[in-house]
Amino acid sequence: MSSCSKKYICQCKIQYSGVPGLPDSSVKEFDIYNSKSAAESLCKEESYENTDPATGIKVKETCVLY
């Protein structure tokens, strides 16, 4: 039995910190057409956390599948 590809939405919340005056959190969404398990994996791979050593600005992106 094969898995059916469906449309899923990956929603990523982007948070900034480390320096006063940074923008509020933002959200991005994109579609993934795949099996549910593959879509979950692809979506989670979009999550990351990074700090710019020169500015001290920290960016955290957390992605979940809907």
N, C-alpha and C. Protein backbone atom coordinates (compact mmCIF):
# COMPACT_ATOMS: atom_id res chain seq x y z
N MET A 1 0.85 -1.17 0.00
CA MET A 1 0.00 0.00 0.00
C MET A 1 0.89 1.24 0.00
N SER A 2 0.56 2.20 -0.85
CA SER A 2 1.36 3.41 -0.91
C SER A 2 0.64 4.56 -0.23
N SER A 3 1.40 5.53 0.21
CA SER A 3 0.84 6.70 0.87
C SER A 3 0.34 7.68 -0.18
N CYS A 4 -0.73 8.34 0.13
CA CYS A 4 -1.26 9.37 -0.77
C CYS A 4 -0.62 10.70 -0.44
N SER A 5 -0.32 11.44 -1.48
CA SER A 5 0.18 12.80 -1.27
C SER A 5 -0.99 13.72 -1.06
N LYS A 6 -0.88 14.55 -0.06
CA LYS A 6 -1.91 15.53 0.25
C LYS A 6 -1.25 16.88 0.43
N LYS A 7 -2.08 17.89 0.50
CA LYS A 7 -1.57 19.24 0.74
C LYS A 7 -1.59 19.50 2.25
N TYR A 8 -0.44 19.88 2.78
CA TYR A 8 -0.30 20.27 4.18
C TYR A 8 0.26 21.68 4.22
N ILE A 9 0.02 22.36 5.31
CA ILE A 9 0.55 23.71 5.49
C ILE A 9 1.59 23.68 6.60
N CYS A 10 2.77 24.19 6.28
CA CYS A 10 3.83 24.33 7.28
C CYS A 10 3.82 25.79 7.72
N GLN A 11 3.65 26.00 9.02
CA GLN A 11 3.61 27.35 9.57
C GLN A 11 4.83 27.55 10.46
N CYS A 12 5.57 28.61 10.18
CA CYS A 12 6.79 28.91 10.93
C CYS A 12 6.66 30.24 11.65
N LYS A 13 6.86 30.21 12.96
CA LYS A 13 6.85 31.43 13.77
C LYS A 13 8.29 31.89 13.91
N ILE A 14 8.54 33.15 13.57
CA ILE A 14 9.88 33.70 13.60
C ILE A 14 9.95 34.72 14.74
N GLN A 15 10.90 34.51 15.65
CA GLN A 15 11.07 35.40 16.80
C GLN A 15 12.48 36.00 16.77
N TYR A 16 12.54 37.28 17.09
CA TYR A 16 13.81 38.01 17.13
C TYR A 16 14.08 38.44 18.57
N SER A 17 15.34 38.41 18.98
CA SER A 17 15.70 38.88 20.31
C SER A 17 17.17 39.29 20.32
N GLY A 18 17.58 39.91 21.43
CA GLY A 18 18.98 40.26 21.62
C GLY A 18 19.27 41.74 21.57
N VAL A 19 18.45 42.51 20.86
CA VAL A 19 18.68 43.94 20.72
C VAL A 19 17.33 44.65 20.81
N PRO A 20 17.24 45.76 21.55
CA PRO A 20 15.98 46.51 21.60
C PRO A 20 15.58 47.04 20.22
N GLY A 21 14.29 47.11 19.99
CA GLY A 21 13.78 47.70 18.76
C GLY A 21 13.62 46.73 17.60
N LEU A 22 13.81 45.45 17.85
CA LEU A 22 13.63 44.47 16.77
C LEU A 22 12.14 44.29 16.49
N PRO A 23 11.79 43.82 15.29
CA PRO A 23 10.37 43.63 14.98
C PRO A 23 9.73 42.56 15.86
N ASP A 24 8.41 42.66 15.99
CA ASP A 24 7.67 41.61 16.70
C ASP A 24 7.82 40.30 15.93
N SER A 25 7.35 39.25 16.54
CA SER A 25 7.36 37.96 15.88
C SER A 25 6.58 38.03 14.58
N SER A 26 6.99 37.22 13.63
CA SER A 26 6.25 37.13 12.38
C SER A 26 5.99 35.66 12.07
N VAL A 27 5.12 35.42 11.11
CA VAL A 27 4.74 34.06 10.74
C VAL A 27 4.83 33.94 9.23
N LYS A 28 5.37 32.81 8.77
CA LYS A 28 5.33 32.50 7.35
C LYS A 28 4.70 31.13 7.18
N GLU A 29 4.03 30.94 6.08
CA GLU A 29 3.39 29.66 5.79
C GLU A 29 3.71 29.26 4.36
N PHE A 30 3.81 27.95 4.16
CA PHE A 30 3.97 27.45 2.79
C PHE A 30 3.36 26.06 2.71
N ASP A 31 2.98 25.68 1.50
CA ASP A 31 2.34 24.39 1.27
C ASP A 31 3.39 23.31 1.02
N ILE A 32 3.07 22.11 1.49
CA ILE A 32 3.88 20.93 1.21
C ILE A 32 2.94 19.86 0.67
N TYR A 33 3.26 19.31 -0.47
CA TYR A 33 2.48 18.22 -1.06
C TYR A 33 3.28 16.94 -0.90
N ASN A 34 2.84 16.08 0.02
CA ASN A 34 3.57 14.85 0.29
C ASN A 34 2.73 13.98 1.21
N SER A 35 3.27 12.84 1.62
CA SER A 35 2.61 12.03 2.64
C SER A 35 2.73 12.79 3.96
N LYS A 36 1.90 12.45 4.92
CA LYS A 36 1.92 13.20 6.18
C LYS A 36 3.26 13.10 6.89
N SER A 37 3.82 11.90 6.96
CA SER A 37 5.10 11.74 7.68
C SER A 37 6.23 12.49 6.97
N ALA A 38 6.25 12.45 5.65
CA ALA A 38 7.29 13.18 4.91
C ALA A 38 7.08 14.69 5.05
N ALA A 39 5.84 15.13 5.02
CA ALA A 39 5.54 16.56 5.16
C ALA A 39 5.95 17.06 6.54
N GLU A 40 5.68 16.27 7.59
CA GLU A 40 6.10 16.66 8.94
C GLU A 40 7.61 16.80 9.02
N SER A 41 8.31 15.87 8.43
CA SER A 41 9.77 15.91 8.45
C SER A 41 10.31 17.13 7.70
N LEU A 42 9.77 17.39 6.52
CA LEU A 42 10.20 18.55 5.73
C LEU A 42 9.92 19.85 6.46
N CYS A 43 8.76 19.93 7.11
CA CYS A 43 8.39 21.14 7.83
C CYS A 43 9.34 21.37 9.01
N LYS A 44 9.58 20.34 9.80
CA LYS A 44 10.45 20.47 10.97
C LYS A 44 11.87 20.85 10.57
N GLU A 45 12.31 20.42 9.38
CA GLU A 45 13.65 20.76 8.91
C GLU A 45 13.80 22.26 8.67
N GLU A 46 12.70 22.98 8.52
CA GLU A 46 12.74 24.43 8.31
C GLU A 46 13.04 25.19 9.61
N SER A 47 12.85 24.54 10.75
CA SER A 47 13.11 25.18 12.04
C SER A 47 14.61 25.39 12.23
N TYR A 48 14.97 26.52 12.81
CA TYR A 48 16.38 26.78 13.11
C TYR A 48 16.50 27.88 14.15
N GLU A 49 17.71 28.00 14.67
CA GLU A 49 18.04 29.06 15.62
C GLU A 49 19.44 29.56 15.29
N ASN A 50 19.61 30.87 15.25
CA ASN A 50 20.90 31.44 14.88
C ASN A 50 21.13 32.76 15.61
N THR A 51 22.35 33.00 16.01
CA THR A 51 22.74 34.27 16.62
C THR A 51 23.86 34.88 15.79
N ASP A 52 23.68 36.12 15.37
CA ASP A 52 24.71 36.83 14.62
C ASP A 52 25.75 37.34 15.61
N PRO A 53 26.98 36.84 15.55
CA PRO A 53 28.00 37.26 16.53
C PRO A 53 28.35 38.74 16.44
N ALA A 54 28.20 39.35 15.28
CA ALA A 54 28.56 40.76 15.11
C ALA A 54 27.53 41.69 15.75
N THR A 55 26.24 41.32 15.67
CA THR A 55 25.19 42.20 16.17
C THR A 55 24.53 41.71 17.45
N GLY A 56 24.65 40.42 17.74
CA GLY A 56 23.99 39.83 18.91
C GLY A 56 22.52 39.55 18.68
N ILE A 57 22.06 39.71 17.45
CA ILE A 57 20.65 39.45 17.15
C ILE A 57 20.43 37.95 17.01
N LYS A 58 19.44 37.46 17.75
CA LYS A 58 19.11 36.04 17.74
C LYS A 58 17.80 35.86 16.97
N VAL A 59 17.80 34.90 16.05
CA VAL A 59 16.60 34.57 15.28
C VAL A 59 16.26 33.12 15.55
N LYS A 60 15.00 32.89 15.94
CA LYS A 60 14.53 31.52 16.19
C LYS A 60 13.29 31.30 15.34
N GLU A 61 13.33 30.27 14.51
CA GLU A 61 12.21 29.93 13.66
C GLU A 61 11.72 28.55 14.05
N THR A 62 10.45 28.44 14.46
CA THR A 62 9.87 27.18 14.88
C THR A 62 8.73 26.84 13.94
N CYS A 63 8.84 25.69 13.27
CA CYS A 63 7.86 25.30 12.25
C CYS A 63 7.07 24.07 12.68
N VAL A 64 5.75 24.12 12.44
CA VAL A 64 4.87 22.99 12.72
C VAL A 64 3.95 22.78 11.53
N LEU A 65 3.51 21.54 11.36
CA LEU A 65 2.65 21.18 10.25
C LEU A 65 1.18 21.26 10.66
N TYR A 66 0.36 21.81 9.77
CA TYR A 66 -1.09 21.88 9.99
C TYR A 66 -1.79 21.10 8.92
